[in-house]
């Protein structure tokens, strides 16, 4: 028998699990679409004020990644250094240190991807948290990468930071005892994420031992056929139905908070839910 369920179980923090709730893949009731693009050094609140008064910004100066960076840093300021996140064992102070190291400390960042160097990465995290107080660290993340960083190279920001800052923004938004639900993102952002899932979906779901198909919510054409991506081949298939941004969250291990539907045999869904999707 085919089951249609929301994802259950998570490999994330217990705080995230206990505080999360799953809703249909839709925008928050009464939410207002926020500006998609934002200047690199402008706070989220300031950018909304500029948008209100009709100040146009050049496309080359603003990207979704920069908007997410600004809004995440504003949220860091709001919740403080000890707020929970969806990153297992990390609070917001840890997450801010991770973001700074990733962009600015290539030696420390090597421990993010190379497990033998993970102890070096952990030491660098502790050093960074001791070197600057929380507000100073958040300001450094807000300012973006240093000039010598690979992330400062023109064109790198979109590819390297769009997913990174979106995921970590949601790591804070959807954690704790009163988690927030999904935001309504611009169509261009959802399309970018769909293309990204096409490009990297196989890599993100590589550890899953059942077939996985991603289905874009609301994409059915006149013939009733929706847009899909076959991320993993298999005789037993689980179809994940949701907006690209929510599918992106699921693909990065945020399974307890991603607002999607899982369609498939119960045994196959159980295998998917028990898979390690952490990248």
C-alpha atoms as a PDB file:
ATOM      1  CA  UNK A   1       0.000   0.000   0.000  1.00  0.00           C
ATOM      2  CA  UNK A   2       1.284   3.456  -0.894  1.00  0.00           C
ATOM      3  CA  UNK A   3       1.574   5.934   1.933  1.00  0.00           C
ATOM      4  CA  UNK A   4       1.445   9.711   1.773  1.00  0.00           C
ATOM      5  CA  UNK A   5       3.029  11.196   4.879  1.00  0.00           C
ATOM      6  CA  UNK A   6       5.058  14.084   6.137  1.00  0.00           C
ATOM      7  CA  UNK A   7       8.645  13.287   7.111  1.00  0.00           C
ATOM      8  CA  UNK A   8       9.124  11.963  10.617  1.00  0.00           C
ATOM      9  CA  UNK A   9      12.349  11.654  12.537  1.00  0.00           C
ATOM     10  CA  UNK A  10      15.436  13.725  12.157  1.00  0.00           C
ATOM     11  CA  UNK A  11      19.175  13.504  12.533  1.00  0.00           C
ATOM     12  CA  UNK A  12      19.253  17.070  13.820  1.00  0.00           C
ATOM     13  CA  UNK A  13      19.239  18.560  17.283  1.00  0.00           C
ATOM     14  CA  UNK A  14      16.740  17.387  19.869  1.00  0.00           C
ATOM     15  CA  UNK A  15      15.706  21.002  20.392  1.00  0.00           C
ATOM     16  CA  UNK A  16      14.837  21.266  16.712  1.00  0.00           C
ATOM     17  CA  UNK A  17      12.854  18.040  16.787  1.00  0.00           C
ATOM     18  CA  UNK A  18      10.887  18.862  19.902  1.00  0.00           C
ATOM     19  CA  UNK A  19      10.113  22.362  18.726  1.00  0.00           C
ATOM     20  CA  UNK A  20       9.310  21.635  15.078  1.00  0.00           C
ATOM     21  CA  UNK A  21       5.986  21.180  13.404  1.00  0.00           C
ATOM     22  CA  UNK A  22       5.111  20.233   9.839  1.00  0.00           C
ATOM     23  CA  UNK A  23       2.633  22.181   7.785  1.00  0.00           C
ATOM     24  CA  UNK A  24       1.551  22.022   4.129  1.00  0.00           C
ATOM     25  CA  UNK A  25       4.070  23.509   1.719  1.00  0.00           C
ATOM     26  CA  UNK A  26       2.719  27.038   1.646  1.00  0.00           C
ATOM     27  CA  UNK A  27       3.664  30.507   2.787  1.00  0.00           C
ATOM     28  CA  UNK A  28       2.855  31.678   6.277  1.00  0.00           C
ATOM     29  CA  UNK A  29      -0.658  32.957   6.556  1.00  0.00           C
ATOM     30  CA  UNK A  30      -0.696  36.695   6.145  1.00  0.00           C
ATOM     31  CA  UNK A  31       2.980  36.835   5.196  1.00  0.00           C
ATOM     32  CA  UNK A  32       4.250  39.495   2.847  1.00  0.00           C
ATOM     33  CA  UNK A  33       6.770  38.727   0.141  1.00  0.00           C
ATOM     34  CA  UNK A  34      10.068  40.235   1.191  1.00  0.00           C
ATOM     35  CA  UNK A  35      12.507  41.831  -1.245  1.00  0.00           C
ATOM     36  CA  UNK A  36      14.507  39.212  -3.103  1.00  0.00           C
ATOM     37  CA  UNK A  37      17.689  41.198  -3.503  1.00  0.00           C
ATOM     38  CA  UNK A  38      19.664  43.224  -1.039  1.00  0.00           C
ATOM     39  CA  UNK A  39      22.883  45.248  -0.972  1.00  0.00           C
ATOM     40  CA  UNK A  40      25.813  43.467   0.598  1.00  0.00           C
ATOM     41  CA  UNK A  41      26.351  45.911   3.468  1.00  0.00           C
ATOM     42  CA  UNK A  42      22.732  46.920   4.063  1.00  0.00           C
ATOM     43  CA  UNK A  43      20.803  45.437   6.959  1.00  0.00           C
ATOM     44  CA  UNK A  44      17.553  43.663   6.172  1.00  0.00           C
ATOM     45  CA  UNK A  45      15.512  46.376   7.889  1.00  0.00           C
ATOM     46  CA  UNK A  46      17.303  49.153   6.048  1.00  0.00           C
ATOM     47  CA  UNK A  47      16.800  47.438   2.706  1.00  0.00           C
ATOM     48  CA  UNK A  48      13.068  47.106   3.301  1.00  0.00           C
ATOM     49  CA  UNK A  49      12.975  50.847   4.001  1.00  0.00           C
ATOM     50  CA  UNK A  50      14.787  51.535   0.727  1.00  0.00           C
ATOM     51  CA  UNK A  51      12.358  49.308  -1.147  1.00  0.00           C
ATOM     52  CA  UNK A  52       9.403  51.095   0.440  1.00  0.00           C
ATOM     53  CA  UNK A  53      10.601  54.432  -0.904  1.00  0.00           C
ATOM     54  CA  UNK A  54      11.239  53.027  -4.364  1.00  0.00           C
ATOM     55  CA  UNK A  55      15.023  53.198  -4.435  1.00  0.00           C
ATOM     56  CA  UNK A  56      16.182  50.958  -7.275  1.00  0.00           C
ATOM     57  CA  UNK A  57      19.306  48.857  -6.846  1.00  0.00           C
ATOM     58  CA  UNK A  58      21.442  47.528  -9.692  1.00  0.00           C
ATOM     59  CA  UNK A  59      21.184  43.779 -10.293  1.00  0.00           C
ATOM     60  CA  UNK A  60      24.983  43.425 -10.099  1.00  0.00           C
ATOM     61  CA  UNK A  61      25.047  44.796  -6.544  1.00  0.00           C
ATOM     62  CA  UNK A  62      22.437  42.584  -4.993  1.00  0.00           C
ATOM     63  CA  UNK A  63      21.811  38.852  -4.755  1.00  0.00           C
ATOM     64  CA  UNK A  64      19.642  36.508  -2.767  1.00  0.00           C
ATOM     65  CA  UNK A  65      22.750  35.182  -1.002  1.00  0.00           C
ATOM     66  CA  UNK A  66      23.530  38.687   0.277  1.00  0.00           C
ATOM     67  CA  UNK A  67      19.925  39.189   1.311  1.00  0.00           C
ATOM     68  CA  UNK A  68      20.006  35.935   3.289  1.00  0.00           C
ATOM     69  CA  UNK A  69      23.320  36.918   4.875  1.00  0.00           C
ATOM     70  CA  UNK A  70      21.877  40.250   6.043  1.00  0.00           C
ATOM     71  CA  UNK A  71      18.658  38.743   7.369  1.00  0.00           C
ATOM     72  CA  UNK A  72      20.470  35.919   9.140  1.00  0.00           C
ATOM     73  CA  UNK A  73      22.809  38.397  10.844  1.00  0.00           C
ATOM     74  CA  UNK A  74      19.838  40.518  11.879  1.00  0.00           C
ATOM     75  CA  UNK A  75      18.295  37.378  13.355  1.00  0.00           C
ATOM     76  CA  UNK A  76      21.568  36.526  15.114  1.00  0.00           C
ATOM     77  CA  UNK A  77      21.429  39.951  16.756  1.00  0.00           C
ATOM     78  CA  UNK A  78      17.812  39.460  17.758  1.00  0.00           C
ATOM     79  CA  UNK A  79      18.071  35.992  19.344  1.00  0.00           C
ATOM     80  CA  UNK A  80      21.536  36.297  20.922  1.00  0.00           C
ATOM     81  CA  UNK A  81      24.462  33.858  21.187  1.00  0.00           C
ATOM     82  CA  UNK A  82      22.744  31.021  23.057  1.00  0.00           C
ATOM     83  CA  UNK A  83      19.723  30.421  20.838  1.00  0.00           C
ATOM     84  CA  UNK A  84      19.245  26.880  19.464  1.00  0.00           C
ATOM     85  CA  UNK A  85      19.780  25.933  15.840  1.00  0.00           C
ATOM     86  CA  UNK A  86      18.996  22.888  13.729  1.00  0.00           C
ATOM     87  CA  UNK A  87      22.730  22.087  13.598  1.00  0.00           C
ATOM     88  CA  UNK A  88      23.240  19.307  16.127  1.00  0.00           C
ATOM     89  CA  UNK A  89      25.125  20.564  19.189  1.00  0.00           C
ATOM     90  CA  UNK A  90      25.425  24.149  17.930  1.00  0.00           C
ATOM     91  CA  UNK A  91      23.927  27.367  19.222  1.00  0.00           C
ATOM     92  CA  UNK A  92      23.869  30.607  17.261  1.00  0.00           C
ATOM     93  CA  UNK A  93      27.353  31.583  18.488  1.00  0.00           C
ATOM     94  CA  UNK A  94      28.742  28.330  17.060  1.00  0.00           C
ATOM     95  CA  UNK A  95      26.946  28.860  13.762  1.00  0.00           C
ATOM     96  CA  UNK A  96      28.278  32.405  13.401  1.00  0.00           C
ATOM     97  CA  UNK A  97      31.809  31.132  14.056  1.00  0.00           C
ATOM     98  CA  UNK A  98      31.326  28.420  11.414  1.00  0.00           C
ATOM     99  CA  UNK A  99      30.250  30.972   8.807  1.00  0.00           C
ATOM    100  CA  UNK A 100      33.249  33.207   9.508  1.00  0.00           C
ATOM    101  CA  UNK A 101      35.740  30.313   9.370  1.00  0.00           C
ATOM    102  CA  UNK A 102      34.230  28.924   6.173  1.00  0.00           C
ATOM    103  CA  UNK A 103      34.830  32.183   4.290  1.00  0.00           C
ATOM    104  CA  UNK A 104      37.906  33.637   5.946  1.00  0.00           C
ATOM    105  CA  UNK A 105      40.025  30.881   7.518  1.00  0.00           C
ATOM    106  CA  UNK A 106      41.034  28.346   4.831  1.00  0.00           C
ATOM    107  CA  UNK A 107      43.114  26.300   7.280  1.00  0.00           C
ATOM    108  CA  UNK A 108      40.282  25.956   9.747  1.00  0.00           C
ATOM    109  CA  UNK A 109      37.729  25.442   6.976  1.00  0.00           C
ATOM    110  CA  UNK A 110      39.604  22.386   5.744  1.00  0.00           C
ATOM    111  CA  UNK A 111      38.206  20.553   8.767  1.00  0.00           C
ATOM    112  CA  UNK A 112      34.651  21.125   7.522  1.00  0.00           C
ATOM    113  CA  UNK A 113      35.110  18.707   4.621  1.00  0.00           C
ATOM    114  CA  UNK A 114      38.078  16.597   5.785  1.00  0.00           C
ATOM    115  CA  UNK A 115      37.157  14.475   8.796  1.00  0.00           C
ATOM    116  CA  UNK A 116      40.806  13.877   9.842  1.00  0.00           C
ATOM    117  CA  UNK A 117      41.077  17.645  10.323  1.00  0.00           C
ATOM    118  CA  UNK A 118      37.839  18.042  12.271  1.00  0.00           C
ATOM    119  CA  UNK A 119      39.696  18.533  15.560  1.00  0.00           C
ATOM    120  CA  UNK A 120      41.581  21.472  14.007  1.00  0.00           C
ATOM    121  CA  UNK A 121      38.273  22.953  12.902  1.00  0.00           C
ATOM    122  CA  UNK A 122      36.825  22.596  16.397  1.00  0.00           C
ATOM    123  CA  UNK A 123      39.864  24.332  17.898  1.00  0.00           C
ATOM    124  CA  UNK A 124      39.528  27.197  15.441  1.00  0.00           C
ATOM    125  CA  UNK A 125      35.847  27.502  16.331  1.00  0.00           C
ATOM    126  CA  UNK A 126      36.720  27.839  20.026  1.00  0.00           C
ATOM    127  CA  UNK A 127      39.484  30.353  19.275  1.00  0.00           C
ATOM    128  CA  UNK A 128      37.214  32.531  17.153  1.00  0.00           C
ATOM    129  CA  UNK A 129      34.557  32.603  19.866  1.00  0.00           C
ATOM    130  CA  UNK A 130      37.201  33.710  22.365  1.00  0.00           C
ATOM    131  CA  UNK A 131      38.835  36.274  20.050  1.00  0.00           C
ATOM    132  CA  UNK A 132      35.709  38.402  19.483  1.00  0.00           C
ATOM    133  CA  UNK A 133      32.520  38.809  21.403  1.00  0.00           C
ATOM    134  CA  UNK A 134      29.350  37.620  19.730  1.00  0.00           C
ATOM    135  CA  UNK A 135      28.201  40.969  18.331  1.00  0.00           C
ATOM    136  CA  UNK A 136      31.618  41.631  16.756  1.00  0.00           C
ATOM    137  CA  UNK A 137      31.633  38.162  15.193  1.00  0.00           C
ATOM    138  CA  UNK A 138      28.152  38.696  13.742  1.00  0.00           C
ATOM    139  CA  UNK A 139      29.256  42.039  12.280  1.00  0.00           C
ATOM    140  CA  UNK A 140      32.224  40.327  10.633  1.00  0.00           C
ATOM    141  CA  UNK A 141      29.926  37.736   9.071  1.00  0.00           C
ATOM    142  CA  UNK A 142      27.596  40.533   7.944  1.00  0.00           C
ATOM    143  CA  UNK A 143      30.446  42.357   6.190  1.00  0.00           C
ATOM    144  CA  UNK A 144      31.184  39.293   4.105  1.00  0.00           C
ATOM    145  CA  UNK A 145      34.438  37.589   3.134  1.00  0.00           C
ATOM    146  CA  UNK A 146      37.795  39.328   3.252  1.00  0.00           C
ATOM    147  CA  UNK A 147      39.275  40.499  -0.038  1.00  0.00           C
ATOM    148  CA  UNK A 148      41.729  37.596  -0.190  1.00  0.00           C
ATOM    149  CA  UNK A 149      39.001  34.974   0.271  1.00  0.00           C
ATOM    150  CA  UNK A 150      37.916  32.821  -2.648  1.00  0.00           C
ATOM    151  CA  UNK A 151      34.348  33.792  -1.718  1.00  0.00           C
ATOM    152  CA  UNK A 152      35.168  37.411  -2.613  1.00  0.00           C
ATOM    153  CA  UNK A 153      35.827  36.507  -6.260  1.00  0.00           C
ATOM    154  CA  UNK A 154      33.071  37.957  -8.477  1.00  0.00           C
ATOM    155  CA  UNK A 155      30.538  35.285  -9.383  1.00  0.00           C
ATOM    156  CA  UNK A 156      31.429  32.925  -6.551  1.00  0.00           C
ATOM    157  CA  UNK A 157      28.886  34.312  -4.088  1.00  0.00           C
ATOM    158  CA  UNK A 158      25.760  33.060  -5.861  1.00  0.00           C
ATOM    159  CA  UNK A 159      26.976  29.526  -6.433  1.00  0.00           C
ATOM    160  CA  UNK A 160      28.709  29.066  -3.087  1.00  0.00           C
ATOM    161  CA  UNK A 161      26.537  31.043  -0.685  1.00  0.00           C
ATOM    162  CA  UNK A 162      22.930  30.957  -1.885  1.00  0.00           C
ATOM    163  CA  UNK A 163      22.296  27.489  -0.482  1.00  0.00           C
ATOM    164  CA  UNK A 164      24.641  27.972   2.491  1.00  0.00           C
ATOM    165  CA  UNK A 165      22.972  31.086   3.857  1.00  0.00           C
ATOM    166  CA  UNK A 166      19.440  29.978   3.033  1.00  0.00           C
ATOM    167  CA  UNK A 167      19.927  26.681   4.892  1.00  0.00           C
ATOM    168  CA  UNK A 168      21.556  28.306   7.913  1.00  0.00           C
ATOM    169  CA  UNK A 169      18.970  31.099   8.010  1.00  0.00           C
ATOM    170  CA  UNK A 170      16.324  28.382   8.297  1.00  0.00           C
ATOM    171  CA  UNK A 171      18.476  26.586  10.891  1.00  0.00           C
ATOM    172  CA  UNK A 172      17.806  29.520  13.197  1.00  0.00           C
ATOM    173  CA  UNK A 173      14.273  30.416  12.077  1.00  0.00           C
ATOM    174  CA  UNK A 174      12.890  26.901  12.505  1.00  0.00           C
ATOM    175  CA  UNK A 175      14.650  25.896  15.720  1.00  0.00           C
ATOM    176  CA  UNK A 176      13.549  26.164  19.322  1.00  0.00           C
ATOM    177  CA  UNK A 177      10.210  26.005  21.074  1.00  0.00           C
ATOM    178  CA  UNK A 178       8.443  28.412  18.699  1.00  0.00           C
ATOM    179  CA  UNK A 179       9.796  27.584  15.236  1.00  0.00           C
ATOM    180  CA  UNK A 180       8.768  29.661  12.264  1.00  0.00           C
ATOM    181  CA  UNK A 181       7.346  28.144   9.102  1.00  0.00           C
ATOM    182  CA  UNK A 182       8.323  28.596   5.475  1.00  0.00           C
ATOM    183  CA  UNK A 183       8.709  31.946   3.782  1.00  0.00           C
ATOM    184  CA  UNK A 184       7.345  32.883   0.395  1.00  0.00           C
ATOM    185  CA  UNK A 185      10.408  33.165  -1.831  1.00  0.00           C
ATOM    186  CA  UNK A 186      10.597  34.883  -5.182  1.00  0.00           C
ATOM    187  CA  UNK A 187       9.961  32.695  -8.224  1.00  0.00           C
ATOM    188  CA  UNK A 188      13.515  33.347  -9.451  1.00  0.00           C
ATOM    189  CA  UNK A 189      14.923  31.954  -6.217  1.00  0.00           C
ATOM    190  CA  UNK A 190      12.750  28.842  -6.374  1.00  0.00           C
ATOM    191  CA  UNK A 191      13.808  28.319 -10.004  1.00  0.00           C
ATOM    192  CA  UNK A 192      17.488  28.667  -9.051  1.00  0.00           C
ATOM    193  CA  UNK A 193      17.052  26.065  -6.313  1.00  0.00           C
ATOM    194  CA  UNK A 194      15.271  23.703  -8.710  1.00  0.00           C
ATOM    195  CA  UNK A 195      18.200  23.944 -11.127  1.00  0.00           C
ATOM    196  CA  UNK A 196      20.561  23.308  -8.236  1.00  0.00           C
ATOM    197  CA  UNK A 197      18.626  20.180  -7.272  1.00  0.00           C
ATOM    198  CA  UNK A 198      18.910  18.981 -10.871  1.00  0.00           C
ATOM    199  CA  UNK A 199      22.658  19.517 -10.779  1.00  0.00           C
ATOM    200  CA  UNK A 200      23.470  18.124  -7.318  1.00  0.00           C
ATOM    201  CA  UNK A 201      20.481  16.031  -6.260  1.00  0.00           C
ATOM    202  CA  UNK A 202      22.267  12.758  -6.954  1.00  0.00           C
ATOM    203  CA  UNK A 203      25.172  13.784  -4.740  1.00  0.00           C
ATOM    204  CA  UNK A 204      22.950  14.947  -1.884  1.00  0.00           C
ATOM    205  CA  UNK A 205      20.867  11.752  -1.874  1.00  0.00           C
ATOM    206  CA  UNK A 206      23.779   9.410  -2.620  1.00  0.00           C
ATOM    207  CA  UNK A 207      23.507   7.527   0.688  1.00  0.00           C
ATOM    208  CA  UNK A 208      19.813   6.691   0.273  1.00  0.00           C
ATOM    209  CA  UNK A 209      19.160   3.003  -0.424  1.00  0.00           C
ATOM    210  CA  UNK A 210      15.814   3.492  -2.185  1.00  0.00           C
ATOM    211  CA  UNK A 211      14.777   5.342  -5.318  1.00  0.00           C
ATOM    212  CA  UNK A 212      14.117   9.069  -4.842  1.00  0.00           C
ATOM    213  CA  UNK A 213      12.100  11.342  -7.119  1.00  0.00           C
ATOM    214  CA  UNK A 214      11.721  15.065  -6.417  1.00  0.00           C
ATOM    215  CA  UNK A 215       8.461  16.633  -7.567  1.00  0.00           C
ATOM    216  CA  UNK A 216       8.012  20.376  -7.798  1.00  0.00           C
ATOM    217  CA  UNK A 217       4.811  21.429  -6.088  1.00  0.00           C
ATOM    218  CA  UNK A 218       2.251  23.050  -8.386  1.00  0.00           C
ATOM    219  CA  UNK A 219       4.245  22.364 -11.551  1.00  0.00           C
ATOM    220  CA  UNK A 220       1.737  20.108 -13.345  1.00  0.00           C
ATOM    221  CA  UNK A 221       1.252  21.146 -16.970  1.00  0.00           C
ATOM    222  CA  UNK A 222      -1.888  20.956 -19.114  1.00  0.00           C
ATOM    223  CA  UNK A 223      -1.439  17.191 -19.418  1.00  0.00           C
ATOM    224  CA  UNK A 224      -1.155  16.808 -15.657  1.00  0.00           C
ATOM    225  CA  UNK A 225       2.534  15.876 -15.653  1.00  0.00           C
ATOM    226  CA  UNK A 226       4.564  17.679 -12.953  1.00  0.00           C
ATOM    227  CA  UNK A 227       8.234  18.620 -13.144  1.00  0.00           C
ATOM    228  CA  UNK A 228      10.342  15.897 -11.562  1.00  0.00           C
ATOM    229  CA  UNK A 229      13.969  15.012 -10.889  1.00  0.00           C
ATOM    230  CA  UNK A 230      15.093  11.398 -10.465  1.00  0.00           C
ATOM    231  CA  UNK A 231      17.728  11.801  -7.772  1.00  0.00           C
ATOM    232  CA  UNK A 232      18.225   8.082  -7.083  1.00  0.00           C
ATOM    233  CA  UNK A 233      17.215   5.132  -9.237  1.00  0.00           C
ATOM    234  CA  UNK A 234      15.591   2.105  -7.669  1.00  0.00           C
ATOM    235  CA  UNK A 235      12.756  -0.380  -7.894  1.00  0.00           C
ATOM    236  CA  UNK A 236      11.081   1.057  -4.803  1.00  0.00           C
ATOM    237  CA  UNK A 237      10.492   4.794  -5.185  1.00  0.00           C
ATOM    238  CA  UNK A 238       9.756   7.565  -2.707  1.00  0.00           C
ATOM    239  CA  UNK A 239       8.500  10.805  -4.239  1.00  0.00           C
ATOM    240  CA  UNK A 240       9.165  14.036  -2.341  1.00  0.00           C
ATOM    241  CA  UNK A 241       6.615  16.723  -3.208  1.00  0.00           C
ATOM    242  CA  UNK A 242       7.282  20.340  -2.298  1.00  0.00           C
ATOM    243  CA  UNK A 243       8.624  23.701  -3.326  1.00  0.00           C
ATOM    244  CA  UNK A 244      12.278  23.600  -4.421  1.00  0.00           C
ATOM    245  CA  UNK A 245      13.369  25.499  -1.297  1.00  0.00           C
ATOM    246  CA  UNK A 246      11.708  22.919   0.961  1.00  0.00           C
ATOM    247  CA  UNK A 247      13.165  20.048  -1.070  1.00  0.00           C
ATOM    248  CA  UNK A 248      16.547  21.730  -0.632  1.00  0.00           C
ATOM    249  CA  UNK A 249      16.102  21.711   3.141  1.00  0.00           C
ATOM    250  CA  UNK A 250      15.208  18.016   3.118  1.00  0.00           C
ATOM    251  CA  UNK A 251      18.200  17.213   0.896  1.00  0.00           C
ATOM    252  CA  UNK A 252      20.468  18.871   3.484  1.00  0.00           C
ATOM    253  CA  UNK A 253      19.154  16.814   6.383  1.00  0.00           C
ATOM    254  CA  UNK A 254      16.518  19.210   7.731  1.00  0.00           C
ATOM    255  CA  UNK A 255      13.970  16.428   7.417  1.00  0.00           C
ATOM    256  CA  UNK A 256      11.888  17.279  10.482  1.00  0.00           C
ATOM    257  CA  UNK A 257      11.144  20.832   9.372  1.00  0.00           C
ATOM    258  CA  UNK A 258      10.981  20.620   5.569  1.00  0.00           C
ATOM    259  CA  UNK A 259       7.388  21.257   4.496  1.00  0.00           C
ATOM    260  CA  UNK A 260       6.941  18.440   1.991  1.00  0.00           C
ATOM    261  CA  UNK A 261       4.949  15.258   1.403  1.00  0.00           C
ATOM    262  CA  UNK A 262       6.515  11.817   1.051  1.00  0.00           C
ATOM    263  CA  UNK A 263       4.701   9.438  -1.292  1.00  0.00           C
ATOM    264  CA  UNK A 264       5.681   5.771  -1.451  1.00  0.00           C
ATOM    265  CA  UNK A 265       5.584   2.403   0.239  1.00  0.00           C
ATOM    266  CA  UNK A 266       5.889   2.674   4.027  1.00  0.00           C
ATOM    267  CA  UNK A 267       9.026   0.518   4.081  1.00  0.00           C
ATOM    268  CA  UNK A 268      10.720   2.717   1.465  1.00  0.00           C
ATOM    269  CA  UNK A 269       9.760   5.884   3.343  1.00  0.00           C
ATOM    270  CA  UNK A 270      11.214   4.433   6.527  1.00  0.00           C
ATOM    271  CA  UNK A 271      14.501   3.735   4.738  1.00  0.00           C
ATOM    272  CA  UNK A 272      14.606   7.297   3.405  1.00  0.00           C
ATOM    273  CA  UNK A 273      13.869   8.782   6.817  1.00  0.00           C
ATOM    274  CA  UNK A 274      16.676   6.764   8.396  1.00  0.00           C
ATOM    275  CA  UNK A 275      19.228   7.816   5.765  1.00  0.00           C
ATOM    276  CA  UNK A 276      22.105  10.164   6.530  1.00  0.00           C
ATOM    277  CA  UNK A 277      21.453  13.274   4.419  1.00  0.00           C
ATOM    278  CA  UNK A 278      23.989  15.492   6.117  1.00  0.00           C
ATOM    279  CA  UNK A 279      26.340  16.926   3.510  1.00  0.00           C
END
